[in-house]
C-alpha cells in the first residue's frame, strides 16, 4: 500500500486534528496520543515509584494543537508536584552508584520522556564498547501523524501543527 493511499484512508476528522483511532493506528506517543484521548503512558507499566507519588496520565479529547498544548502544560505542573513529593520521600545519603564491570548481555527499556515513549535496545559484550545501541525517539514515532494532520490545512497552520508534536529534529536524523 502506498503512503498516499494510507493517508487518504486514515484522514477522517479534519485539518490539524488527530482522532483517537488515528493516533493509535499511527503509533503516536506522549502528549500527541494523550491529546487524542488515549490513556497511554510508559509510567503506567507498574513502576512502583510513580504509584507512590500519585501519578495519573493527563488526557484531552479534542486531538488538536490546543489539546496537545493543554496536555503538555498540565503535565508540567503535575511533574513539579511529583518531584517535590519524591524529594520529601527520598532517603538521606548518596545518590550515585558505581559499577564494577562493563555491561554484558542485552536489555530493552521503554521509558516516558516529555515528548513521549523512548525505546532503548542495548547489547553489551563485556568490553567498554557497546556491541549494539538502538534508540527510537518520541519524535520519530510522532512524525507519521503529520501526514494525517497537515493535508488540507492552510500554510499559516503548518508551523503550529508541526510544533504541537514538539519535534526534535536531531532525534530523527538517521
Protein backbone atom coordinates (compact mmCIF):
# COMPACT_ATOMS: atom_id res chain seq x y z
CA UNK A 1 0.00 0.00 0.00
CA UNK A 2 1.35 3.42 -0.90
CA UNK A 3 1.69 6.04 1.81
CA UNK A 4 -0.65 8.36 -0.08
CA UNK A 5 -3.35 5.68 -0.10
CA UNK A 6 -2.94 5.12 3.64
CA UNK A 7 -3.17 8.84 4.37
CA UNK A 8 -6.43 9.15 2.45
CA UNK A 9 -7.99 6.20 4.28
CA UNK A 10 -6.89 7.33 7.75
CA UNK A 11 -7.76 11.03 7.37
CA UNK A 12 -11.34 11.31 8.51
CA UNK A 13 -11.50 14.04 11.14
CA UNK A 14 -10.21 17.29 9.70
CA UNK A 15 -7.37 19.70 9.34
CA UNK A 16 -4.83 19.62 12.14
CA UNK A 17 -6.88 17.15 14.20
CA UNK A 18 -5.77 13.66 15.16
CA UNK A 19 -8.59 11.34 16.21
CA UNK A 20 -8.19 8.62 18.81
CA UNK A 21 -8.27 5.90 16.14
CA UNK A 22 -5.69 7.71 14.01
CA UNK A 23 -3.37 8.32 16.96
CA UNK A 24 -3.49 4.64 17.89
CA UNK A 25 -3.12 3.29 14.35
CA UNK A 26 -0.19 5.59 13.57
CA UNK A 27 1.65 4.71 16.79
CA UNK A 28 1.65 8.18 18.32
CA UNK A 29 3.20 8.56 21.76
CA UNK A 30 3.29 11.04 24.63
CA UNK A 31 1.21 14.21 24.66
CA UNK A 32 0.38 13.68 20.97
CA UNK A 33 -1.55 10.48 21.70
CA UNK A 34 -2.91 11.65 25.06
CA UNK A 35 -4.37 14.80 23.46
CA UNK A 36 -6.48 12.45 21.31
CA UNK A 37 -7.99 10.78 24.36
CA UNK A 38 -5.70 7.74 24.66
CA UNK A 39 -4.61 6.97 28.22
CA UNK A 40 -1.14 5.72 27.26
CA UNK A 41 2.00 6.39 29.28
CA UNK A 42 5.03 4.23 30.00
CA UNK A 43 4.85 5.30 33.64
CA UNK A 44 1.73 3.11 33.95
CA UNK A 45 3.78 -0.07 33.49
CA UNK A 46 3.84 -0.90 37.21
CA UNK A 47 6.92 1.13 38.05
CA UNK A 48 6.27 1.49 41.79
CA UNK A 49 7.77 4.97 42.45
CA UNK A 50 5.18 6.56 40.15
CA UNK A 51 2.38 4.98 42.14
CA UNK A 52 3.88 6.33 45.34
CA UNK A 53 3.94 9.93 44.09
CA UNK A 54 0.38 9.80 42.77
CA UNK A 55 0.88 9.69 39.01
CA UNK A 56 -2.16 9.67 36.72
CA UNK A 57 -1.93 10.30 32.93
CA UNK A 58 -3.40 13.57 31.68
CA UNK A 59 -5.60 13.33 28.61
CA UNK A 60 -7.66 15.62 26.42
CA UNK A 61 -10.06 14.52 23.69
CA UNK A 62 -10.09 17.26 21.04
CA UNK A 63 -6.97 15.93 19.25
CA UNK A 64 -5.95 19.38 18.00
CA UNK A 65 -2.92 21.61 18.60
CA UNK A 66 -4.60 23.30 21.55
CA UNK A 67 -5.31 19.95 23.22
CA UNK A 68 -1.65 18.94 22.76
CA UNK A 69 -0.57 22.23 24.38
CA UNK A 70 -3.01 21.69 27.27
CA UNK A 71 -1.66 18.20 27.94
CA UNK A 72 1.92 19.49 28.00
CA UNK A 73 1.06 22.39 30.31
CA UNK A 74 -0.87 20.21 32.77
CA UNK A 75 1.95 17.64 32.71
CA UNK A 76 4.45 20.36 33.60
CA UNK A 77 2.55 21.25 36.77
CA UNK A 78 2.00 17.57 37.56
CA UNK A 79 5.76 16.90 37.21
CA UNK A 80 6.63 19.70 39.61
CA UNK A 81 4.30 18.17 42.21
CA UNK A 82 5.71 14.66 41.68
CA UNK A 83 9.32 15.87 42.02
CA UNK A 84 8.52 17.73 45.24
CA UNK A 85 6.78 14.67 46.68
CA UNK A 86 9.67 12.39 45.62
CA UNK A 87 12.19 14.70 47.28
CA UNK A 88 10.20 14.54 50.51
CA UNK A 89 10.20 10.73 50.34
CA UNK A 90 13.88 10.30 49.34
CA UNK A 91 16.13 8.68 51.93
CA UNK A 92 19.21 10.55 53.15
CA UNK A 93 22.58 9.58 51.69
CA UNK A 94 24.46 9.44 48.42
CA UNK A 95 22.54 9.22 45.16
CA UNK A 96 25.22 7.82 42.84
CA UNK A 97 26.14 4.20 42.17
CA UNK A 98 29.42 2.91 40.79
CA UNK A 99 29.68 -0.14 38.56
CA UNK A 100 32.30 -2.86 38.90
CA UNK A 101 32.29 -4.17 35.31
CA UNK A 102 31.29 -3.42 31.73
CA UNK A 103 27.81 -4.48 30.55
CA UNK A 104 27.46 -7.99 29.13
CA UNK A 105 24.12 -9.06 27.62
CA UNK A 106 21.03 -7.39 26.16
CA UNK A 107 18.38 -5.13 27.62
CA UNK A 108 15.26 -3.42 26.27
CA UNK A 109 13.83 -0.43 28.07
CA UNK A 110 10.79 1.74 27.40
CA UNK A 111 10.52 4.96 29.38
CA UNK A 112 8.42 8.11 29.20
CA UNK A 113 10.10 11.38 28.29
CA UNK A 114 8.38 14.78 27.95
CA UNK A 115 7.80 14.10 24.22
CA UNK A 116 6.60 10.54 24.81
CA UNK A 117 7.89 6.97 24.86
CA UNK A 118 11.56 6.38 24.08
CA UNK A 119 12.70 2.84 23.31
CA UNK A 120 16.24 1.61 24.04
CA UNK A 121 17.89 -1.63 22.94
CA UNK A 122 21.39 -2.07 24.34
CA UNK A 123 23.70 -5.01 23.76
CA UNK A 124 26.96 -5.19 25.68
CA UNK A 125 29.79 -7.66 25.16
CA UNK A 126 31.73 -7.20 28.41
CA UNK A 127 34.05 -4.54 26.96
CA UNK A 128 33.98 -0.77 27.25
CA UNK A 129 32.37 -0.58 23.76
CA UNK A 130 28.74 -1.49 23.23
CA UNK A 131 28.04 -4.06 20.53
CA UNK A 132 24.67 -2.51 19.59
CA UNK A 133 22.62 0.51 20.62
CA UNK A 134 19.22 1.26 19.11
CA UNK A 135 17.11 4.22 20.21
CA UNK A 136 13.64 5.08 18.93
CA UNK A 137 12.77 8.60 19.93
CA UNK A 138 9.29 10.02 20.54
CA UNK A 139 9.67 12.47 17.65
CA UNK A 140 10.41 9.60 15.28
CA UNK A 141 7.22 7.86 16.47
CA UNK A 142 5.09 11.02 16.13
CA UNK A 143 6.22 12.12 12.66
CA UNK A 144 3.67 9.91 10.79
CA UNK A 145 0.84 11.81 12.49
CA UNK A 146 1.78 14.88 10.46
CA UNK A 147 0.77 13.01 7.31
CA UNK A 148 -2.78 12.98 8.68
CA UNK A 149 -2.88 16.42 10.28
CA UNK A 150 -1.24 18.58 7.58
CA UNK A 151 -3.18 17.79 4.36
CA UNK A 152 -5.81 20.43 3.68
CA UNK A 153 -4.60 22.94 6.25
CA UNK A 154 -3.52 26.47 5.40
CA UNK A 155 0.16 27.37 5.18
CA UNK A 156 -0.23 29.54 8.29
CA UNK A 157 -1.36 26.49 10.28
CA UNK A 158 1.64 24.32 9.34
CA UNK A 159 4.10 25.71 11.95
CA UNK A 160 1.54 25.42 14.76
CA UNK A 161 0.61 21.84 13.85
CA UNK A 162 4.22 20.71 13.39
CA UNK A 163 5.36 22.36 16.62
CA UNK A 164 2.42 20.84 18.51
CA UNK A 165 4.13 17.42 18.35
CA UNK A 166 7.25 19.10 19.86
CA UNK A 167 9.67 17.75 17.24
CA UNK A 168 13.36 17.27 17.94
CA UNK A 169 14.95 17.33 14.50
CA UNK A 170 18.29 15.93 15.71
CA UNK A 171 16.40 12.95 17.18
CA UNK A 172 15.12 11.98 13.74
CA UNK A 173 18.34 12.44 11.76
CA UNK A 174 19.49 8.94 10.89
